[in-house]
Amino acid sequence: MQTRSYDLAVIGCGPAGEKAAAQAAYFGKKVVVIDRAQVGGACVHTGTLPSKALRESALHLSGMTALDVAGVQFTLDEGVSVTSLMAHRDKVCKAEVKRILWNLERHGIDLLAGAATIVDETTVRIDRLEASPVTVNADVIVIATGTRPRRPEGLPFDSTEVWDSDEVLNMASLPKSMIVYGAGVIGCEYAAMFAALGVEITLLEPRGAVLPFVDREVTVHLLEAFTTMGIAIRTNAAWESVRGEDGVGVELKLRDGNVITADRLLFCAGRTPNTDGLGLEDLGIKLNRRSQIVVDEAYHTGAGRIYAVGDVIGFPALASTGMEQGRVAVCGAFGFDYKDQVSVLLPYGIYTIPECAMVGLTEQDCERDGRDYEIGKALYRENARGLLSGQPHGLLKVVFDPADKKLLGVHVVGEKASELVHTGMTVMQFGGTIDAFIEAVYNFPTLSEMYKYAAYDGLGRLQRRNEG
């Protein structure tokens, strides 16, 4: 069996694995990346980018991004093909794969395709489909194998009428009706996309609330938009049984006895870490009850010089965070004086219609912790750019400390929310106050100007509080 030696072996070439590998190679280390499928992971092929590309296609083809011009009406062709919907996705994903391969090449990183098994603390065996196995010896090993959709027993995934969140992107045709089970980030995103395409959507959530970690006022705005789009929403709706018949449809029975029918079921409740087959048990690497790899603050697994990063270790399971985890893990493993921790400020972007984004504390967080706070708000409909762009529905909200006006959180619902949130995050990163927005000059007309008026609103609330 052929044996190769490296300073670093990275298992998995999604966002976390790619950035870990590039960071080590940047500092002169000899690196190999091992992946059983195409580079890019779920982020490129089944998750982040494909779903966002589908969102843009849905917005464009449905006319939802068009201005409300008198005499001009946009309707989605009844026979629009899935090929048309997926063309933009395919183009974006191919370009991202090309970029990743170029990034590996320019850093001198070797790429091996195959299934990896960690034999011991410094050895990885790669079983390849069309070639003999290869053994890799490495001083440091980083596991970045990501996750896949959870598939509970009892759901007929063998039926063409029942999809998980990977399979939905390979659909042959648009259904007329769909049940989306799981109102987390993925479920909400797909519910909005398909509703924009004219699909009748029933969104079911087994828990008591939709997106409970999101600021409650943002959630109210989002659910109002969902209702306007015709999405039927039910919480505390746990499934008991599902029957799917090819070419006929799906029947889902809830624990409360109600039965819901539709053409298709999209199951979006949870993801499973890709830890099987890696040989972790023999190395003493611990998994939690969700089969996620347990690591310390340095992303060390406790075995040799083996680290784990990205979705495979669980929360927050964001591509952006996984990238930083990969960089930090490698810097710590080799002693690079560069990155020693991931920022405590982690932005979230939820690509529903409209978008939602957040960073820092919500009102609920402050109330739970008994922390005094104040808020300031600005509405899209009161912003010139919001009106010009035909996107009058939305909110930008700041949460701050009333004692010193220090910014504690930013929450946005509306188009470009995932971009807007970074302005507030930067102010927070440097310990700034809402006065930063008062003092700043923003181009007019822009959505960014809402920060200034949210700050003014906050100052007004603070003044009324002090006067009262």
Protein backbone atom coordinates (compact mmCIF):
# COMPACT_ATOMS: atom_id res chain seq x y z
CA MET A 1 0.00 0.00 0.00
CA GLN A 2 1.33 3.42 -0.98
CA THR A 3 2.26 5.72 1.93
CA ARG A 4 2.61 9.51 1.83
CA SER A 5 3.71 11.90 4.56
CA TYR A 6 2.30 15.33 5.38
CA ASP A 7 2.29 17.92 8.13
CA LEU A 8 -1.52 18.13 8.00
CA ALA A 9 -4.28 15.86 6.74
CA VAL A 10 -7.76 17.39 6.47
CA ILE A 11 -10.72 15.03 6.11
CA GLY A 12 -13.53 16.84 4.29
CA CYS A 13 -13.31 19.76 1.90
CA GLY A 14 -16.31 21.87 2.81
CA PRO A 15 -15.84 25.46 4.05
CA ALA A 16 -14.17 24.44 7.33
CA GLY A 17 -11.82 21.90 5.77
CA GLU A 18 -10.80 24.11 2.86
CA LYS A 19 -9.90 27.07 5.10
CA ALA A 20 -8.05 24.88 7.59
CA ALA A 21 -5.95 23.42 4.78
CA ALA A 22 -5.25 26.79 3.17
CA GLN A 23 -4.26 28.34 6.51
CA ALA A 24 -1.64 25.66 7.17
CA ALA A 25 -0.31 25.76 3.61
CA TYR A 26 -0.06 29.56 3.79
CA PHE A 27 2.44 29.13 6.61
CA GLY A 28 4.47 26.59 4.64
CA LYS A 29 3.05 23.30 5.86
CA LYS A 30 2.66 20.29 3.56
CA VAL A 31 -1.06 19.56 3.38
CA VAL A 32 -3.39 16.95 1.94
CA VAL A 33 -7.18 17.20 1.75
CA ILE A 34 -9.26 14.02 1.60
CA ASP A 35 -12.86 14.01 0.41
CA ARG A 36 -15.10 11.13 -0.60
CA ALA A 37 -17.18 13.29 -2.96
CA GLN A 38 -16.69 16.60 -4.74
CA VAL A 39 -14.93 19.46 -3.01
CA GLY A 40 -17.22 22.03 -1.45
CA GLY A 41 -19.29 19.76 0.76
CA ALA A 42 -22.95 20.36 1.52
CA CYS A 43 -22.33 24.10 1.39
CA VAL A 44 -21.69 24.00 -2.36
CA HIS A 45 -23.64 20.96 -3.56
CA THR A 46 -26.75 20.45 -1.43
CA GLY A 47 -27.09 23.28 1.08
CA THR A 48 -25.98 26.88 1.36
CA LEU A 49 -25.20 27.95 -2.20
CA PRO A 50 -27.73 25.78 -4.08
CA SER A 51 -30.61 26.85 -1.88
CA LYS A 52 -29.64 30.52 -2.13
CA ALA A 53 -29.31 30.23 -5.89
CA LEU A 54 -32.77 28.68 -6.04
CA ARG A 55 -34.04 31.58 -3.92
CA GLU A 56 -32.72 34.11 -6.42
CA SER A 57 -34.28 32.17 -9.29
CA ALA A 58 -37.59 32.04 -7.43
CA LEU A 59 -37.54 35.79 -6.81
CA HIS A 60 -36.66 36.55 -10.41
CA LEU A 61 -39.03 34.12 -12.11
CA SER A 62 -41.95 34.97 -9.83
CA GLY A 63 -41.52 38.71 -10.34
CA MET A 64 -41.34 39.32 -6.59
CA THR A 65 -38.28 41.53 -7.07
CA ALA A 66 -40.05 43.64 -9.68
CA LEU A 67 -41.33 47.15 -9.04
CA ASP A 68 -45.03 47.80 -8.69
CA VAL A 69 -45.41 49.65 -11.98
CA ALA A 70 -48.91 50.50 -13.16
CA GLY A 71 -49.92 48.43 -16.17
CA VAL A 72 -47.12 45.89 -15.74
CA GLN A 73 -47.95 42.49 -14.29
CA PHE A 74 -45.66 39.56 -13.65
CA THR A 75 -46.85 35.97 -13.44
CA LEU A 76 -44.93 32.74 -13.27
CA ASP A 77 -45.46 30.52 -16.28
CA GLU A 78 -47.52 27.53 -15.22
CA GLY A 79 -45.24 25.18 -17.09
CA VAL A 80 -41.93 26.64 -15.91
CA SER A 81 -39.37 23.86 -16.01
CA VAL A 82 -37.20 22.76 -13.13
CA THR A 83 -34.28 23.05 -15.54
CA SER A 84 -34.94 26.78 -15.74
CA LEU A 85 -35.05 27.03 -11.95
CA MET A 86 -31.83 25.10 -11.50
CA ALA A 87 -29.77 26.69 -14.28
CA HIS A 88 -28.54 29.50 -12.06
CA ARG A 89 -27.78 27.06 -9.23
CA ASP A 90 -25.68 24.86 -11.50
CA LYS A 91 -23.70 27.82 -12.79
CA VAL A 92 -22.97 29.16 -9.30
CA CYS A 93 -22.00 25.78 -7.87
CA LYS A 94 -19.68 24.94 -10.77
CA ALA A 95 -17.95 28.29 -10.36
CA GLU A 96 -17.48 27.69 -6.62
CA VAL A 97 -16.01 24.22 -7.19
CA LYS A 98 -13.61 25.76 -9.68
CA ARG A 99 -12.61 28.41 -7.12
CA ILE A 100 -11.98 25.80 -4.41
CA LEU A 101 -9.81 23.67 -6.71
CA TRP A 102 -7.87 26.79 -7.72
CA ASN A 103 -7.39 27.71 -4.05
CA LEU A 104 -6.01 24.25 -3.25
CA GLU A 105 -3.72 24.36 -6.27
CA ARG A 106 -2.30 27.81 -5.57
CA HIS A 107 -1.50 26.76 -2.01
CA GLY A 108 0.18 23.55 -3.19
CA ILE A 109 -2.36 21.34 -1.39
CA ASP A 110 -2.77 17.74 -2.52
CA LEU A 111 -6.29 16.38 -3.01
CA LEU A 112 -7.19 12.72 -2.57
CA ALA A 113 -10.64 11.35 -3.39
CA GLY A 114 -11.90 8.50 -1.25
CA ALA A 115 -13.31 7.38 2.08
CA ALA A 116 -11.01 8.13 5.01
CA THR A 117 -10.52 6.02 8.13
CA ILE A 118 -8.28 7.23 10.94
CA VAL A 119 -6.13 4.21 11.78
CA ASP A 120 -4.26 5.79 14.67
CA GLU A 121 -3.35 9.27 15.93
CA THR A 122 -1.07 9.98 12.96
CA THR A 123 -2.33 7.66 10.22
CA VAL A 124 -5.25 7.88 7.79
CA ARG A 125 -6.20 5.21 5.25
CA ILE A 126 -8.00 6.33 2.11
CA ASP A 127 -10.06 3.74 0.24
CA ARG A 128 -10.47 4.86 -3.37
CA LEU A 129 -13.06 3.68 -5.88
CA GLU A 130 -10.85 3.21 -8.91
CA ALA A 131 -7.40 2.89 -7.38
CA SER A 132 -5.61 1.04 -4.63
CA PRO A 133 -5.83 2.38 -1.06
CA VAL A 134 -3.41 5.04 0.12
CA THR A 135 -2.01 5.54 3.62
CA VAL A 136 -1.27 9.05 4.81
CA ASN A 137 0.97 9.85 7.76
CA ALA A 138 0.35 13.30 9.24
CA ASP A 139 1.52 15.20 12.29
CA VAL A 140 -1.92 16.83 12.63
CA ILE A 141 -5.34 15.58 11.51
CA VAL A 142 -8.41 17.81 11.16
CA ILE A 143 -11.88 16.27 10.81
CA ALA A 144 -14.29 18.46 8.84
CA THR A 145 -16.75 15.94 7.45
CA GLY A 146 -19.95 17.97 7.92
CA THR A 147 -23.49 16.64 8.16
CA ARG A 148 -26.33 15.12 6.13
CA PRO A 149 -30.12 15.38 6.52
CA ARG A 150 -31.61 13.39 9.39
CA ARG A 151 -33.85 10.56 8.20
CA PRO A 152 -36.01 9.18 11.02
CA GLU A 153 -37.29 5.64 10.80
CA GLY A 154 -40.90 5.45 9.67
CA LEU A 155 -40.65 8.06 6.94
CA PRO A 156 -40.93 6.61 3.41
CA PHE A 157 -37.93 8.28 1.82
CA ASP A 158 -37.94 5.59 -0.84
CA SER A 159 -41.08 7.24 -2.22
CA THR A 160 -40.65 9.90 -4.91
CA GLU A 161 -43.16 12.00 -2.96
CA VAL A 162 -41.02 12.35 0.19
CA TRP A 163 -37.82 14.40 0.08
CA ASP A 164 -35.11 15.44 2.48
CA SER A 165 -33.38 18.81 2.14
CA ASP A 166 -30.71 17.35 -0.18
CA GLU A 167 -33.08 15.54 -2.50
CA VAL A 168 -35.35 18.53 -3.03
CA LEU A 169 -32.71 20.11 -5.26
CA ASN A 170 -32.98 17.17 -7.66
CA MET A 171 -36.73 17.46 -8.14
CA ALA A 172 -38.04 16.65 -11.59
CA SER A 173 -41.06 18.94 -11.40
CA LEU A 174 -42.72 21.53 -9.20
CA PRO A 175 -45.59 20.13 -7.12
CA LYS A 176 -48.83 22.04 -6.71
CA SER A 177 -48.79 21.53 -2.95
CA MET A 178 -46.13 20.68 -0.39
CA ILE A 179 -45.83 19.98 3.33
CA VAL A 180 -42.61 21.38 4.78
CA TYR A 181 -41.92 19.65 8.10
CA GLY A 182 -39.58 21.56 10.40
CA ALA A 183 -39.74 25.35 10.72
CA GLY A 184 -36.09 25.85 11.48
CA VAL A 185 -33.78 27.81 9.20
CA ILE A 186 -33.77 25.29 6.33
CA GLY A 187 -37.50 24.63 6.46
CA CYS A 188 -38.41 28.32 6.55
CA GLU A 189 -36.10 29.08 3.65
CA TYR A 190 -37.56 26.38 1.42
CA ALA A 191 -41.13 27.17 2.44
CA ALA A 192 -40.65 30.77 1.29
CA MET A 193 -38.92 29.80 -1.96
CA PHE A 194 -41.59 27.34 -3.06
CA ALA A 195 -44.41 29.67 -2.00
CA ALA A 196 -42.83 32.34 -4.22
CA LEU A 197 -43.05 29.83 -7.07
CA GLY A 198 -46.75 29.36 -6.51
CA VAL A 199 -46.62 26.09 -4.57
CA GLU A 200 -49.27 25.77 -1.85
CA ILE A 201 -47.23 25.37 1.34
CA THR A 202 -48.14 23.98 4.76
CA LEU A 203 -45.29 24.63 7.22
CA LEU A 204 -45.31 22.35 10.28
CA GLU A 205 -43.18 22.79 13.39
CA PRO A 206 -43.18 20.12 16.14
CA ARG A 207 -42.01 22.65 18.76
CA GLY A 208 -44.01 25.55 20.12
CA ALA A 209 -42.43 28.32 18.05
CA VAL A 210 -40.92 29.09 14.67
CA LEU A 211 -37.25 30.15 14.84
CA PRO A 212 -37.29 30.63 18.64
CA PHE A 213 -33.71 31.99 18.72
CA VAL A 214 -34.65 34.92 16.47
CA ASP A 215 -35.80 38.25 17.93
CA ARG A 216 -39.53 37.92 18.49
CA GLU A 217 -40.41 41.10 16.60
CA VAL A 218 -38.42 39.93 13.59
CA THR A 219 -40.29 36.62 13.71
CA VAL A 220 -43.63 38.46 13.79
CA HIS A 221 -42.70 40.41 10.64
CA LEU A 222 -41.47 37.24 8.93
CA LEU A 223 -44.58 35.21 9.73
CA GLU A 224 -46.79 38.07 8.54
CA ALA A 225 -44.92 37.95 5.24
CA PHE A 226 -45.36 34.17 5.12
CA THR A 227 -49.08 34.52 5.68
CA THR A 228 -49.29 37.12 2.90
CA MET A 229 -47.56 34.62 0.60
CA GLY A 230 -50.24 32.06 1.43
CA ILE A 231 -48.15 29.81 3.68
CA ALA A 232 -50.21 27.95 6.28
CA ILE A 233 -48.22 27.65 9.54
CA ARG A 234 -48.82 25.23 12.40
CA THR A 235 -46.73 24.82 15.57
CA ASN A 236 -46.88 21.96 18.10
CA ALA A 237 -47.48 19.76 15.07
CA ALA A 238 -45.44 16.59 15.58
CA TRP A 239 -45.81 13.81 13.00
CA GLU A 240 -47.03 10.36 13.95
CA SER A 241 -47.05 8.60 10.59
CA VAL A 242 -46.51 9.35 6.92
CA ARG A 243 -47.82 7.53 3.90
CA GLY A 244 -46.44 8.36 0.48
CA GLU A 245 -47.54 6.78 -2.77
CA ASP A 246 -45.66 7.45 -6.00
CA GLY A 247 -47.71 9.60 -8.34
CA VAL A 248 -50.52 10.00 -5.80
CA GLY A 249 -49.23 12.20 -2.99
CA VAL A 250 -48.49 12.24 0.73
CA GLU A 251 -50.68 11.81 3.77
CA LEU A 252 -49.18 12.99 7.08
CA LYS A 253 -50.91 12.17 10.36
CA LEU A 254 -50.14 14.35 13.37
CA ARG A 255 -50.06 13.16 16.97
CA ASP A 256 -53.16 15.22 17.67
CA GLY A 257 -55.03 13.09 15.13
CA ASN A 258 -55.23 15.64 12.32
CA VAL A 259 -54.32 14.50 8.81
CA ILE A 260 -52.69 16.75 6.21
CA THR A 261 -52.36 15.83 2.54
CA ALA A 262 -50.21 17.29 -0.23
CA ASP A 263 -48.40 16.33 -3.41
CA ARG A 264 -45.01 16.21 -1.68
CA LEU A 265 -43.41 16.21 1.76
CA LEU A 266 -40.11 18.00 2.41
CA PHE A 267 -38.61 16.86 5.73
CA CYS A 268 -36.27 19.45 7.24
CA ALA A 269 -36.02 18.49 10.91
CA GLY A 270 -32.39 18.08 11.88
CA ARG A 271 -29.10 16.93 10.43
CA THR A 272 -26.81 14.00 11.24
CA PRO A 273 -23.00 14.36 11.58
CA ASN A 274 -20.88 12.40 9.11
CA THR A 275 -18.85 10.52 11.71
CA ASP A 276 -19.60 6.93 10.70
CA GLY A 277 -16.70 4.98 9.23
CA LEU A 278 -14.00 7.32 10.52
CA GLY A 279 -12.88 4.93 13.27
CA LEU A 280 -13.42 7.45 16.06
CA GLU A 281 -14.50 4.89 18.65
CA ASP A 282 -11.17 3.05 18.49
CA LEU A 283 -9.34 6.33 19.09
CA GLY A 284 -11.36 7.23 22.18
CA ILE A 285 -12.87 10.29 20.51
CA LYS A 286 -16.15 11.12 22.22
CA LEU A 287 -19.46 11.85 20.55
CA ASN A 288 -22.39 13.58 22.23
CA ARG A 289 -26.00 12.34 22.18
CA ARG A 290 -26.44 13.86 18.71
CA SER A 291 -23.35 12.01 17.41
CA GLN A 292 -21.43 15.28 17.14
CA ILE A 293 -17.71 15.20 17.93
CA VAL A 294 -16.89 16.64 21.35
CA VAL A 295 -14.01 19.17 21.28
CA ASP A 296 -12.45 21.68 23.66
CA GLU A 297 -12.06 25.44 23.09
CA ALA A 298 -9.12 24.79 20.75
CA TYR A 299 -11.21 22.25 18.73
CA HIS A 300 -9.04 19.41 20.00
CA THR A 301 -10.75 16.02 20.27
CA GLY A 302 -8.59 14.81 23.16
CA ALA A 303 -6.84 12.19 21.00
CA GLY A 304 -3.29 12.83 19.83
CA ARG A 305 -3.18 15.87 17.55
CA ILE A 306 -6.61 15.26 16.07
CA TYR A 307 -8.98 18.23 15.77
CA ALA A 308 -12.55 18.64 14.53
CA VAL A 309 -14.26 21.72 13.10
CA GLY A 310 -17.40 22.81 11.28
CA ASP A 311 -20.87 21.28 11.34
CA VAL A 312 -19.58 17.92 12.57
CA ILE A 313 -19.06 19.46 16.04
CA GLY A 314 -22.54 21.01 16.15
CA PHE A 315 -23.65 24.52 17.10
CA PRO A 316 -23.66 27.00 15.49
CA ALA A 317 -23.20 24.95 12.27
CA LEU A 318 -22.66 27.95 10.01
CA ALA A 319 -20.36 27.98 6.98
CA SER A 320 -18.87 31.30 8.10
CA THR A 321 -18.13 30.01 11.60
CA GLY A 322 -16.76 26.70 10.33
CA MET A 323 -14.22 28.57 8.22
CA GLU A 324 -12.96 30.45 11.27
CA GLN A 325 -12.91 27.28 13.38
CA GLY A 326 -10.71 25.61 10.77
CA ARG A 327 -8.26 28.50 10.76
CA VAL A 328 -8.14 28.72 14.57
CA ALA A 329 -7.67 24.96 15.00
CA VAL A 330 -4.73 24.85 12.60
CA CYS A 331 -3.07 27.92 14.10
CA GLY A 332 -3.31 26.37 17.55
CA ALA A 333 -2.12 22.96 16.39
CA PHE A 334 1.04 24.32 14.76
CA GLY A 335 1.62 27.27 17.08
CA PHE A 336 1.10 29.95 14.43
CA ASP A 337 0.97 33.41 15.99
CA TYR A 338 -2.08 34.44 14.02
CA LYS A 339 -5.63 33.43 14.99
CA ASP A 340 -6.20 32.16 18.51
CA GLN A 341 -10.00 32.28 18.80
CA VAL A 342 -13.23 32.61 16.86
CA SER A 343 -15.00 35.91 17.43
CA VAL A 344 -17.74 35.85 20.05
CA LEU A 345 -19.89 37.84 17.63
CA LEU A 346 -21.40 35.40 15.16
CA PRO A 347 -23.80 36.82 12.57
CA TYR A 348 -26.74 34.76 11.38
CA GLY A 349 -28.33 35.09 7.97
CA ILE A 350 -31.64 33.40 7.19
CA TYR A 351 -32.42 33.52 3.48
CA THR A 352 -36.17 33.47 3.65
CA ILE A 353 -38.40 35.89 1.72
CA PRO A 354 -37.81 38.43 3.14
CA GLU A 355 -34.33 37.80 4.57
CA CYS A 356 -33.59 37.86 8.30
CA ALA A 357 -30.25 38.52 9.97
CA MET A 358 -29.05 39.00 13.52
CA VAL A 359 -26.00 39.44 15.69
CA GLY A 360 -25.70 39.81 19.45
CA LEU A 361 -28.43 39.85 22.06
CA THR A 362 -32.17 39.75 21.44
CA GLU A 363 -34.79 41.28 23.71
CA GLN A 364 -35.55 37.75 24.92
CA ASP A 365 -31.90 37.23 25.86
CA CYS A 366 -31.85 40.42 27.93
CA GLU A 367 -35.11 39.54 29.68
CA ARG A 368 -33.94 36.01 30.44
CA ASP A 369 -30.70 37.30 31.96
CA GLY A 370 -32.38 40.11 33.87
CA ARG A 371 -30.37 42.70 31.94
CA ASP A 372 -31.64 46.23 31.46
CA TYR A 373 -31.92 47.24 27.80
CA GLU A 374 -33.50 49.62 25.36
CA ILE A 375 -34.29 49.35 21.66
CA GLY A 376 -34.47 51.54 18.58
CA LYS A 377 -36.28 50.74 15.32
CA ALA A 378 -36.42 51.91 11.73
CA LEU A 379 -38.90 50.66 9.13
CA TYR A 380 -38.22 49.91 5.46
CA ARG A 381 -41.44 51.70 4.48
CA GLU A 382 -40.06 54.92 6.01
CA ASN A 383 -36.76 54.62 4.13
CA ALA A 384 -36.42 56.11 0.63
CA ARG A 385 -34.33 53.21 -0.72
CA GLY A 386 -36.79 50.70 0.70
CA LEU A 387 -39.57 52.39 -1.26
CA LEU A 388 -37.48 52.83 -4.41
CA SER A 389 -36.53 49.16 -4.50
CA GLY A 390 -40.13 48.01 -4.14
CA GLN A 391 -39.37 46.40 -0.78
CA PRO A 392 -41.40 48.43 1.71
CA HIS A 393 -41.84 45.63 4.27
CA GLY A 394 -39.09 45.26 6.85
CA LEU A 395 -37.48 46.35 10.07
CA LEU A 396 -34.02 47.23 11.40
CA LYS A 397 -33.78 47.06 15.18
CA VAL A 398 -30.95 47.82 17.58
CA VAL A 399 -30.71 46.63 21.19
CA PHE A 400 -28.49 48.69 23.49
CA ASP A 401 -27.54 49.30 27.12
CA PRO A 402 -29.45 52.34 28.46
CA ALA A 403 -26.65 53.19 30.89
CA ASP A 404 -23.91 53.85 28.32
CA LYS A 405 -25.71 53.28 24.97
CA LYS A 406 -23.37 50.41 24.11
CA LEU A 407 -24.72 48.37 21.21
CA LEU A 408 -25.75 44.87 22.29
CA GLY A 409 -27.52 43.47 19.25
CA VAL A 410 -28.79 44.15 15.74
CA HIS A 411 -31.79 42.44 14.12
CA VAL A 412 -33.02 42.94 10.57
CA VAL A 413 -35.89 41.54 8.53
CA GLY A 414 -36.13 42.66 4.92
CA GLU A 415 -34.18 42.39 1.70
CA LYS A 416 -30.39 42.74 2.07
CA ALA A 417 -30.72 41.97 5.78
CA SER A 418 -27.75 39.58 5.60
CA GLU A 419 -25.59 42.45 4.31
CA LEU A 420 -26.95 45.19 6.57
CA VAL A 421 -26.28 43.28 9.79
CA HIS A 422 -22.50 43.51 9.33
CA THR A 423 -22.46 47.28 9.87
CA GLY A 424 -23.86 46.85 13.35
CA MET A 425 -21.60 43.87 14.00
CA THR A 426 -18.52 45.95 13.24
CA VAL A 427 -19.61 48.65 15.69
CA MET A 428 -20.17 45.96 18.32
CA GLN A 429 -16.79 44.39 17.63
CA PHE A 430 -15.10 47.61 18.67
CA GLY A 431 -17.33 48.15 21.70
CA GLY A 432 -19.20 51.03 20.07
CA THR A 433 -22.43 52.76 21.01
CA ILE A 434 -25.48 53.78 19.00
CA ASP A 435 -23.89 57.23 18.78
CA ALA A 436 -21.67 55.73 16.05
CA PHE A 437 -24.74 55.70 13.81
CA ILE A 438 -25.75 59.21 14.78
CA GLU A 439 -22.30 60.55 13.89
CA ALA A 440 -21.93 58.58 10.65
CA VAL A 441 -22.84 59.98 7.23
CA TYR A 442 -24.65 57.52 4.97
CA ASN A 443 -25.26 57.78 1.25
CA PHE A 444 -28.81 58.78 0.36
CA PRO A 445 -30.88 56.92 -0.55
CA THR A 446 -29.62 53.70 1.07
CA LEU A 447 -30.97 51.04 3.38
CA SER A 448 -27.91 51.60 5.58
CA GLU A 449 -29.40 54.96 6.55
CA MET A 450 -31.90 53.05 8.69
CA TYR A 451 -29.14 52.61 11.28
CA LYS A 452 -29.18 56.36 11.91
CA TYR A 453 -32.93 56.49 12.36
CA ALA A 454 -32.99 53.38 14.53
CA ALA A 455 -30.43 55.13 16.73
CA TYR A 456 -32.53 58.32 16.82
CA ASP A 457 -35.54 56.23 17.77
CA GLY A 458 -33.49 54.62 20.54
CA LEU A 459 -32.39 57.99 21.89
CA GLY A 460 -36.00 59.16 21.91
CA ARG A 461 -37.09 56.09 23.86
CA LEU A 462 -34.22 56.62 26.28
CA GLN A 463 -35.20 60.25 26.82
CA ARG A 464 -38.83 59.33 27.48
CA ARG A 465 -37.69 56.64 29.89
CA ASN A 466 -35.51 59.13 31.83
CA GLU A 467 -38.25 61.74 31.88
CA GLY A 468 -40.77 59.22 33.12
